[in-house]
Amino acid sequence: MNKSVTIFLVFASFFLIANDVEAQCAMCRAALESESDNSQAEGINNGIVYLMAIPYVLVGGLFYFIYRKLRNS
């Protein structure tokens, strides 16, 4: 079997075996469930999105500068 096909099948299996998970610790969940308005929940969700997006932006910028450097050489 081709190496790229094997790698594709491994990554595809990760997406097919998805489980429902709770992404918050017990303390965060208790604090968010006990609150009447959703302002704290929105803040925690925004924080998670920012923490998730920053590494992708940094790595994407790094690859962009490497691409420009190699293309201009």
PDB file of N, CA and C in Angstrom:
ATOM      1  N   MET A   1       0.849  -1.179   0.000  1.00  0.00           N
ATOM      2  CA  MET A   1       0.000   0.000   0.000  1.00  0.00           C
ATOM      3  C   MET A   1       0.893   1.240   0.000  1.00  0.00           C
ATOM      4  N   ASN A   2       0.470   2.234  -0.685  1.00  0.00           N
ATOM      5  CA  ASN A   2       1.207   3.483  -0.795  1.00  0.00           C
ATOM      6  C   ASN A   2       1.262   4.182   0.565  1.00  0.00           C
ATOM      7  N   LYS A   3       2.380   4.823   0.855  1.00  0.00           N
ATOM      8  CA  LYS A   3       2.564   5.477   2.149  1.00  0.00           C
ATOM      9  C   LYS A   3       1.552   6.601   2.362  1.00  0.00           C
ATOM     10  N   SER A   4       1.263   7.375   1.322  1.00  0.00           N
ATOM     11  CA  SER A   4       0.311   8.483   1.468  1.00  0.00           C
ATOM     12  C   SER A   4      -1.104   7.964   1.718  1.00  0.00           C
ATOM     13  N   VAL A   5      -1.454   6.824   1.133  1.00  0.00           N
ATOM     14  CA  VAL A   5      -2.778   6.237   1.370  1.00  0.00           C
ATOM     15  C   VAL A   5      -2.886   5.770   2.812  1.00  0.00           C
ATOM     16  N   THR A   6      -1.821   5.180   3.333  1.00  0.00           N
ATOM     17  CA  THR A   6      -1.811   4.724   4.723  1.00  0.00           C
ATOM     18  C   THR A   6      -1.972   5.902   5.675  1.00  0.00           C
ATOM     19  N   ILE A   7      -1.251   6.983   5.435  1.00  0.00           N
ATOM     20  CA  ILE A   7      -1.352   8.169   6.294  1.00  0.00           C
ATOM     21  C   ILE A   7      -2.757   8.749   6.224  1.00  0.00           C
ATOM     22  N   PHE A   8      -3.324   8.803   5.023  1.00  0.00           N
ATOM     23  CA  PHE A   8      -4.690   9.310   4.879  1.00  0.00           C
ATOM     24  C   PHE A   8      -5.680   8.454   5.659  1.00  0.00           C
ATOM     25  N   LEU A   9      -5.551   7.144   5.592  1.00  0.00           N
ATOM     26  CA  LEU A   9      -6.467   6.258   6.308  1.00  0.00           C
ATOM     27  C   LEU A   9      -6.342   6.402   7.820  1.00  0.00           C
ATOM     28  N   VAL A  10      -5.138   6.619   8.310  1.00  0.00           N
ATOM     29  CA  VAL A  10      -4.947   6.820   9.751  1.00  0.00           C
ATOM     30  C   VAL A  10      -5.638   8.103  10.199  1.00  0.00           C
ATOM     31  N   PHE A  11      -5.434   9.194   9.479  1.00  0.00           N
ATOM     32  CA  PHE A  11      -6.076  10.454   9.852  1.00  0.00           C
ATOM     33  C   PHE A  11      -7.588  10.395   9.675  1.00  0.00           C
ATOM     34  N   ALA A  12      -8.063   9.711   8.652  1.00  0.00           N
ATOM     35  CA  ALA A  12      -9.506   9.574   8.445  1.00  0.00           C
ATOM     36  C   ALA A  12     -10.138   8.777   9.577  1.00  0.00           C
ATOM     37  N   SER A  13      -9.418   7.786  10.097  1.00  0.00           N
ATOM     38  CA  SER A  13      -9.971   6.995  11.202  1.00  0.00           C
ATOM     39  C   SER A  13     -10.131   7.847  12.459  1.00  0.00           C
ATOM     40  N   PHE A  14      -9.278   8.841  12.660  1.00  0.00           N
ATOM     41  CA  PHE A  14      -9.433   9.727  13.816  1.00  0.00           C
ATOM     42  C   PHE A  14     -10.737  10.511  13.741  1.00  0.00           C
ATOM     43  N   PHE A  15     -11.127  10.906  12.553  1.00  0.00           N
ATOM     44  CA  PHE A  15     -12.367  11.666  12.401  1.00  0.00           C
ATOM     45  C   PHE A  15     -13.601  10.773  12.477  1.00  0.00           C
ATOM     46  N   LEU A  16     -13.463   9.516  12.106  1.00  0.00           N
ATOM     47  CA  LEU A  16     -14.597   8.607  12.154  1.00  0.00           C
ATOM     48  C   LEU A  16     -14.874   8.090  13.560  1.00  0.00           C
ATOM     49  N   ILE A  17     -13.866   8.116  14.427  1.00  0.00           N
ATOM     50  CA  ILE A  17     -14.013   7.602  15.783  1.00  0.00           C
ATOM     51  C   ILE A  17     -14.160   8.775  16.750  1.00  0.00           C
ATOM     52  N   ALA A  18     -14.952   9.747  16.401  1.00  0.00           N
ATOM     53  CA  ALA A  18     -15.130  10.931  17.244  1.00  0.00           C
ATOM     54  C   ALA A  18     -16.096  10.615  18.389  1.00  0.00           C
ATOM     55  N   ASN A  19     -15.771  11.083  19.561  1.00  0.00           N
ATOM     56  CA  ASN A  19     -16.617  10.929  20.736  1.00  0.00           C
ATOM     57  C   ASN A  19     -17.093  12.294  21.204  1.00  0.00           C
ATOM     58  N   ASP A  20     -18.236  12.312  21.864  1.00  0.00           N
ATOM     59  CA  ASP A  20     -18.693  13.555  22.475  1.00  0.00           C
ATOM     60  C   ASP A  20     -17.896  13.761  23.764  1.00  0.00           C
ATOM     61  N   VAL A  21     -17.291  14.924  23.887  1.00  0.00           N
ATOM     62  CA  VAL A  21     -16.477  15.204  25.058  1.00  0.00           C
ATOM     63  C   VAL A  21     -16.900  16.532  25.649  1.00  0.00           C
ATOM     64  N   GLU A  22     -16.670  16.686  26.910  1.00  0.00           N
ATOM     65  CA  GLU A  22     -16.878  17.953  27.595  1.00  0.00           C
ATOM     66  C   GLU A  22     -15.514  18.625  27.706  1.00  0.00           C
ATOM     67  N   ALA A  23     -15.400  19.839  27.194  1.00  0.00           N
ATOM     68  CA  ALA A  23     -14.104  20.498  27.088  1.00  0.00           C
ATOM     69  C   ALA A  23     -13.767  21.347  28.299  1.00  0.00           C
ATOM     70  N   GLN A  24     -14.582  21.312  29.326  1.00  0.00           N
ATOM     71  CA  GLN A  24     -14.335  22.155  30.481  1.00  0.00           C
ATOM     72  C   GLN A  24     -14.036  21.298  31.699  1.00  0.00           C
ATOM     73  N   CYS A  25     -13.210  21.834  32.580  1.00  0.00           N
ATOM     74  CA  CYS A  25     -12.940  21.118  33.826  1.00  0.00           C
ATOM     75  C   CYS A  25     -14.175  21.198  34.723  1.00  0.00           C
ATOM     76  N   ALA A  26     -14.189  20.413  35.782  1.00  0.00           N
ATOM     77  CA  ALA A  26     -15.358  20.351  36.655  1.00  0.00           C
ATOM     78  C   ALA A  26     -15.639  21.695  37.328  1.00  0.00           C
ATOM     79  N   MET A  27     -14.601  22.415  37.711  1.00  0.00           N
ATOM     80  CA  MET A  27     -14.796  23.706  38.385  1.00  0.00           C
ATOM     81  C   MET A  27     -15.372  24.741  37.412  1.00  0.00           C
ATOM     82  N   CYS A  28     -14.862  24.793  36.199  1.00  0.00           N
ATOM     83  CA  CYS A  28     -15.392  25.742  35.213  1.00  0.00           C
ATOM     84  C   CYS A  28     -16.841  25.420  34.885  1.00  0.00           C
ATOM     85  N   ARG A  29     -17.128  24.153  34.734  1.00  0.00           N
ATOM     86  CA  ARG A  29     -18.494  23.754  34.404  1.00  0.00           C
ATOM     87  C   ARG A  29     -19.462  24.128  35.515  1.00  0.00           C
ATOM     88  N   ALA A  30     -19.075  23.895  36.766  1.00  0.00           N
ATOM     89  CA  ALA A  30     -19.942  24.229  37.898  1.00  0.00           C
ATOM     90  C   ALA A  30     -20.176  25.735  37.977  1.00  0.00           C
ATOM     91  N   ALA A  31     -19.141  26.522  37.740  1.00  0.00           N
ATOM     92  CA  ALA A  31     -19.282  27.971  37.792  1.00  0.00           C
ATOM     93  C   ALA A  31     -20.182  28.481  36.679  1.00  0.00           C
ATOM     94  N   LEU A  32     -20.087  27.885  35.509  1.00  0.00           N
ATOM     95  CA  LEU A  32     -20.889  28.341  34.371  1.00  0.00           C
ATOM     96  C   LEU A  32     -22.341  27.898  34.480  1.00  0.00           C
ATOM     97  N   GLU A  33     -22.571  26.722  35.030  1.00  0.00           N
ATOM     98  CA  GLU A  33     -23.948  26.235  35.156  1.00  0.00           C
ATOM     99  C   GLU A  33     -24.714  26.964  36.250  1.00  0.00           C
ATOM    100  N   SER A  34     -24.017  27.473  37.264  1.00  0.00           N
ATOM    101  CA  SER A  34     -24.698  28.136  38.368  1.00  0.00           C
ATOM    102  C   SER A  34     -25.021  29.602  38.069  1.00  0.00           C
ATOM    103  N   GLU A  35     -24.501  30.130  36.984  1.00  0.00           N
ATOM    104  CA  GLU A  35     -24.709  31.537  36.649  1.00  0.00           C
ATOM    105  C   GLU A  35     -26.013  31.711  35.881  1.00  0.00           C
ATOM    106  N   SER A  36     -26.750  32.790  36.187  1.00  0.00           N
ATOM    107  CA  SER A  36     -28.036  33.014  35.521  1.00  0.00           C
ATOM    108  C   SER A  36     -27.872  33.633  34.128  1.00  0.00           C
ATOM    109  N   ASP A  37     -26.944  34.591  33.970  1.00  0.00           N
ATOM    110  CA  ASP A  37     -26.712  35.145  32.631  1.00  0.00           C
ATOM    111  C   ASP A  37     -25.510  34.432  32.001  1.00  0.00           C
ATOM    112  N   ASN A  38     -25.323  34.614  30.725  1.00  0.00           N
ATOM    113  CA  ASN A  38     -24.305  33.860  29.992  1.00  0.00           C
ATOM    114  C   ASN A  38     -23.037  34.660  29.722  1.00  0.00           C
ATOM    115  N   SER A  39     -22.809  35.742  30.435  1.00  0.00           N
ATOM    116  CA  SER A  39     -21.643  36.571  30.140  1.00  0.00           C
ATOM    117  C   SER A  39     -20.336  35.852  30.467  1.00  0.00           C
ATOM    118  N   GLN A  40     -20.299  35.130  31.572  1.00  0.00           N
ATOM    119  CA  GLN A  40     -19.074  34.417  31.923  1.00  0.00           C
ATOM    120  C   GLN A  40     -18.828  33.258  30.951  1.00  0.00           C
ATOM    121  N   ALA A  41     -19.885  32.588  30.527  1.00  0.00           N
ATOM    122  CA  ALA A  41     -19.739  31.488  29.567  1.00  0.00           C
ATOM    123  C   ALA A  41     -19.208  32.004  28.233  1.00  0.00           C
ATOM    124  N   GLU A  42     -19.706  33.148  27.792  1.00  0.00           N
ATOM    125  CA  GLU A  42     -19.207  33.727  26.543  1.00  0.00           C
ATOM    126  C   GLU A  42     -17.741  34.104  26.663  1.00  0.00           C
ATOM    127  N   GLY A  43     -17.339  34.614  27.811  1.00  0.00           N
ATOM    128  CA  GLY A  43     -15.943  34.968  28.028  1.00  0.00           C
ATOM    129  C   GLY A  43     -15.028  33.762  27.985  1.00  0.00           C
ATOM    130  N   ILE A  44     -15.451  32.673  28.605  1.00  0.00           N
ATOM    131  CA  ILE A  44     -14.634  31.459  28.585  1.00  0.00           C
ATOM    132  C   ILE A  44     -14.567  30.889  27.170  1.00  0.00           C
ATOM    133  N   ASN A  45     -15.680  30.892  26.450  1.00  0.00           N
ATOM    134  CA  ASN A  45     -15.666  30.396  25.075  1.00  0.00           C
ATOM    135  C   ASN A  45     -14.773  31.248  24.181  1.00  0.00           C
ATOM    136  N   ASN A  46     -14.812  32.566  24.345  1.00  0.00           N
ATOM    137  CA  ASN A  46     -13.927  33.442  23.564  1.00  0.00           C
ATOM    138  C   ASN A  46     -12.462  33.182  23.895  1.00  0.00           C
ATOM    139  N   GLY A  47     -12.160  32.964  25.164  1.00  0.00           N
ATOM    140  CA  GLY A  47     -10.789  32.655  25.571  1.00  0.00           C
ATOM    141  C   GLY A  47     -10.293  31.372  24.940  1.00  0.00           C
ATOM    142  N   ILE A  48     -11.155  30.365  24.868  1.00  0.00           N
ATOM    143  CA  ILE A  48     -10.775  29.095  24.239  1.00  0.00           C
ATOM    144  C   ILE A  48     -10.483  29.309  22.760  1.00  0.00           C
ATOM    145  N   VAL A  49     -11.305  30.100  22.086  1.00  0.00           N
ATOM    146  CA  VAL A  49     -11.091  30.358  20.658  1.00  0.00           C
ATOM    147  C   VAL A  49      -9.778  31.099  20.439  1.00  0.00           C
ATOM    148  N   TYR A  50      -9.482  32.100  21.263  1.00  0.00           N
ATOM    149  CA  TYR A  50      -8.224  32.838  21.116  1.00  0.00           C
ATOM    150  C   TYR A  50      -7.032  31.930  21.354  1.00  0.00           C
ATOM    151  N   LEU A  51      -7.087  31.105  22.392  1.00  0.00           N
ATOM    152  CA  LEU A  51      -5.974  30.204  22.678  1.00  0.00           C
ATOM    153  C   LEU A  51      -5.787  29.182  21.562  1.00  0.00           C
ATOM    154  N   MET A  52      -6.855  28.798  20.905  1.00  0.00           N
ATOM    155  CA  MET A  52      -6.767  27.838  19.821  1.00  0.00           C
ATOM    156  C   MET A  52      -6.243  28.489  18.545  1.00  0.00           C
ATOM    157  N   ALA A  53      -6.601  29.730  18.275  1.00  0.00           N
ATOM    158  CA  ALA A  53      -6.276  30.374  17.002  1.00  0.00           C
ATOM    159  C   ALA A  53      -4.848  30.913  16.940  1.00  0.00           C
ATOM    160  N   ILE A  54      -4.300  31.366  18.033  1.00  0.00           N
ATOM    161  CA  ILE A  54      -2.982  32.016  18.023  1.00  0.00           C
ATOM    162  C   ILE A  54      -1.882  31.102  17.464  1.00  0.00           C
ATOM    163  N   PRO A  55      -1.758  29.846  17.880  1.00  0.00           N
ATOM    164  CA  PRO A  55      -0.694  29.006  17.283  1.00  0.00           C
ATOM    165  C   PRO A  55      -0.844  28.818  15.777  1.00  0.00           C
ATOM    166  N   TYR A  56      -2.080  28.695  15.289  1.00  0.00           N
ATOM    167  CA  TYR A  56      -2.283  28.546  13.849  1.00  0.00           C
ATOM    168  C   TYR A  56      -1.861  29.805  13.098  1.00  0.00           C
ATOM    169  N   VAL A  57      -2.152  30.956  13.640  1.00  0.00           N
ATOM    170  CA  VAL A  57      -1.745  32.212  12.999  1.00  0.00           C
ATOM    171  C   VAL A  57      -0.225  32.327  12.977  1.00  0.00           C
ATOM    172  N   LEU A  58       0.436  31.989  14.079  1.00  0.00           N
ATOM    173  CA  LEU A  58       1.896  32.075  14.133  1.00  0.00           C
ATOM    174  C   LEU A  58       2.560  31.106  13.161  1.00  0.00           C
ATOM    175  N   VAL A  59       2.100  29.868  13.126  1.00  0.00           N
ATOM    176  CA  VAL A  59       2.688  28.880  12.216  1.00  0.00           C
ATOM    177  C   VAL A  59       2.395  29.249  10.772  1.00  0.00           C
ATOM    178  N   GLY A  60       1.185  29.731  10.486  1.00  0.00           N
ATOM    179  CA  GLY A  60       0.854  30.165   9.133  1.00  0.00           C
ATOM    180  C   GLY A  60       1.722  31.323   8.684  1.00  0.00           C
ATOM    181  N   GLY A  61       1.957  32.278   9.568  1.00  0.00           N
ATOM    182  CA  GLY A  61       2.847  33.400   9.238  1.00  0.00           C
ATOM    183  C   GLY A  61       4.276  32.949   8.991  1.00  0.00           C
ATOM    184  N   LEU A  62       4.742  32.005   9.789  1.00  0.00           N
ATOM    185  CA  LEU A  62       6.090  31.480   9.609  1.00  0.00           C
ATOM    186  C   LEU A  62       6.234  30.796   8.247  1.00  0.00           C
ATOM    187  N   PHE A  63       5.267  29.955   7.900  1.00  0.00           N
ATOM    188  CA  PHE A  63       5.324  29.286   6.602  1.00  0.00           C
ATOM    189  C   PHE A  63       5.207  30.278   5.446  1.00  0.00           C
ATOM    190  N   TYR A  64       4.426  31.341   5.632  1.00  0.00           N
ATOM    191  CA  TYR A  64       4.302  32.356   4.585  1.00  0.00           C
ATOM    192  C   TYR A  64       5.641  33.038   4.342  1.00  0.00           C
ATOM    193  N   PHE A  65       6.358  33.413   5.413  1.00  0.00           N
ATOM    194  CA  PHE A  65       7.646  34.077   5.246  1.00  0.00           C
ATOM    195  C   PHE A  65       8.695  33.133   4.660  1.00  0.00           C
ATOM    196  N   ILE A  66       8.648  31.862   5.036  1.00  0.00           N
ATOM    197  CA  ILE A  66       9.566  30.887   4.445  1.00  0.00           C
ATOM    198  C   ILE A  66       9.272  30.724   2.959  1.00  0.00           C
ATOM    199  N   TYR A  67       7.993  30.660   2.614  1.00  0.00           N
ATOM    200  CA  TYR A  67       7.593  30.539   1.209  1.00  0.00           C
ATOM    201  C   TYR A  67       8.082  31.741   0.404  1.00  0.00           C
ATOM    202  N   ARG A  68       7.899  32.951   0.937  1.00  0.00           N
ATOM    203  CA  ARG A  68       8.364  34.158   0.225  1.00  0.00           C
ATOM    204  C   ARG A  68       9.868  34.162   0.067  1.00  0.00           C
ATOM    205  N   LYS A  69      10.572  33.750   1.121  1.00  0.00           N
ATOM    206  CA  LYS A  69      12.043  33.734   1.067  1.00  0.00           C
ATOM    207  C   LYS A  69      12.538  32.747   0.022  1.00  0.00           C
ATOM    208  N   LEU A  70      11.933  31.538  -0.037  1.00  0.00           N
ATOM    209  CA  LEU A  70      12.366  30.543  -1.001  1.00  0.00           C
ATOM    210  C   LEU A  70      11.960  30.907  -2.422  1.00  0.00           C
ATOM    211  N   ARG A  71      10.842  31.575  -2.569  1.00  0.00           N
ATOM    212  CA  ARG A  71      10.360  31.955  -3.901  1.00  0.00           C
ATOM    213  C   ARG A  71      11.206  33.072  -4.516  1.00  0.00           C
ATOM    214  N   ASN A  72      11.680  34.008  -3.692  1.00  0.00           N
ATOM    215  CA  ASN A  72      12.480  35.128  -4.175  1.00  0.00           C
ATOM    216  C   ASN A  72      13.938  34.771  -4.390  1.00  0.00           C
ATOM    217  N   SER A  73      14.378  33.635  -3.896  1.00  0.00           N
ATOM    218  CA  SER A  73      15.790  33.264  -4.038  1.00  0.00           C
ATOM    219  C   SER A  73      16.129  32.785  -5.420  1.00  0.00           C
TER     220      SER A  73
END
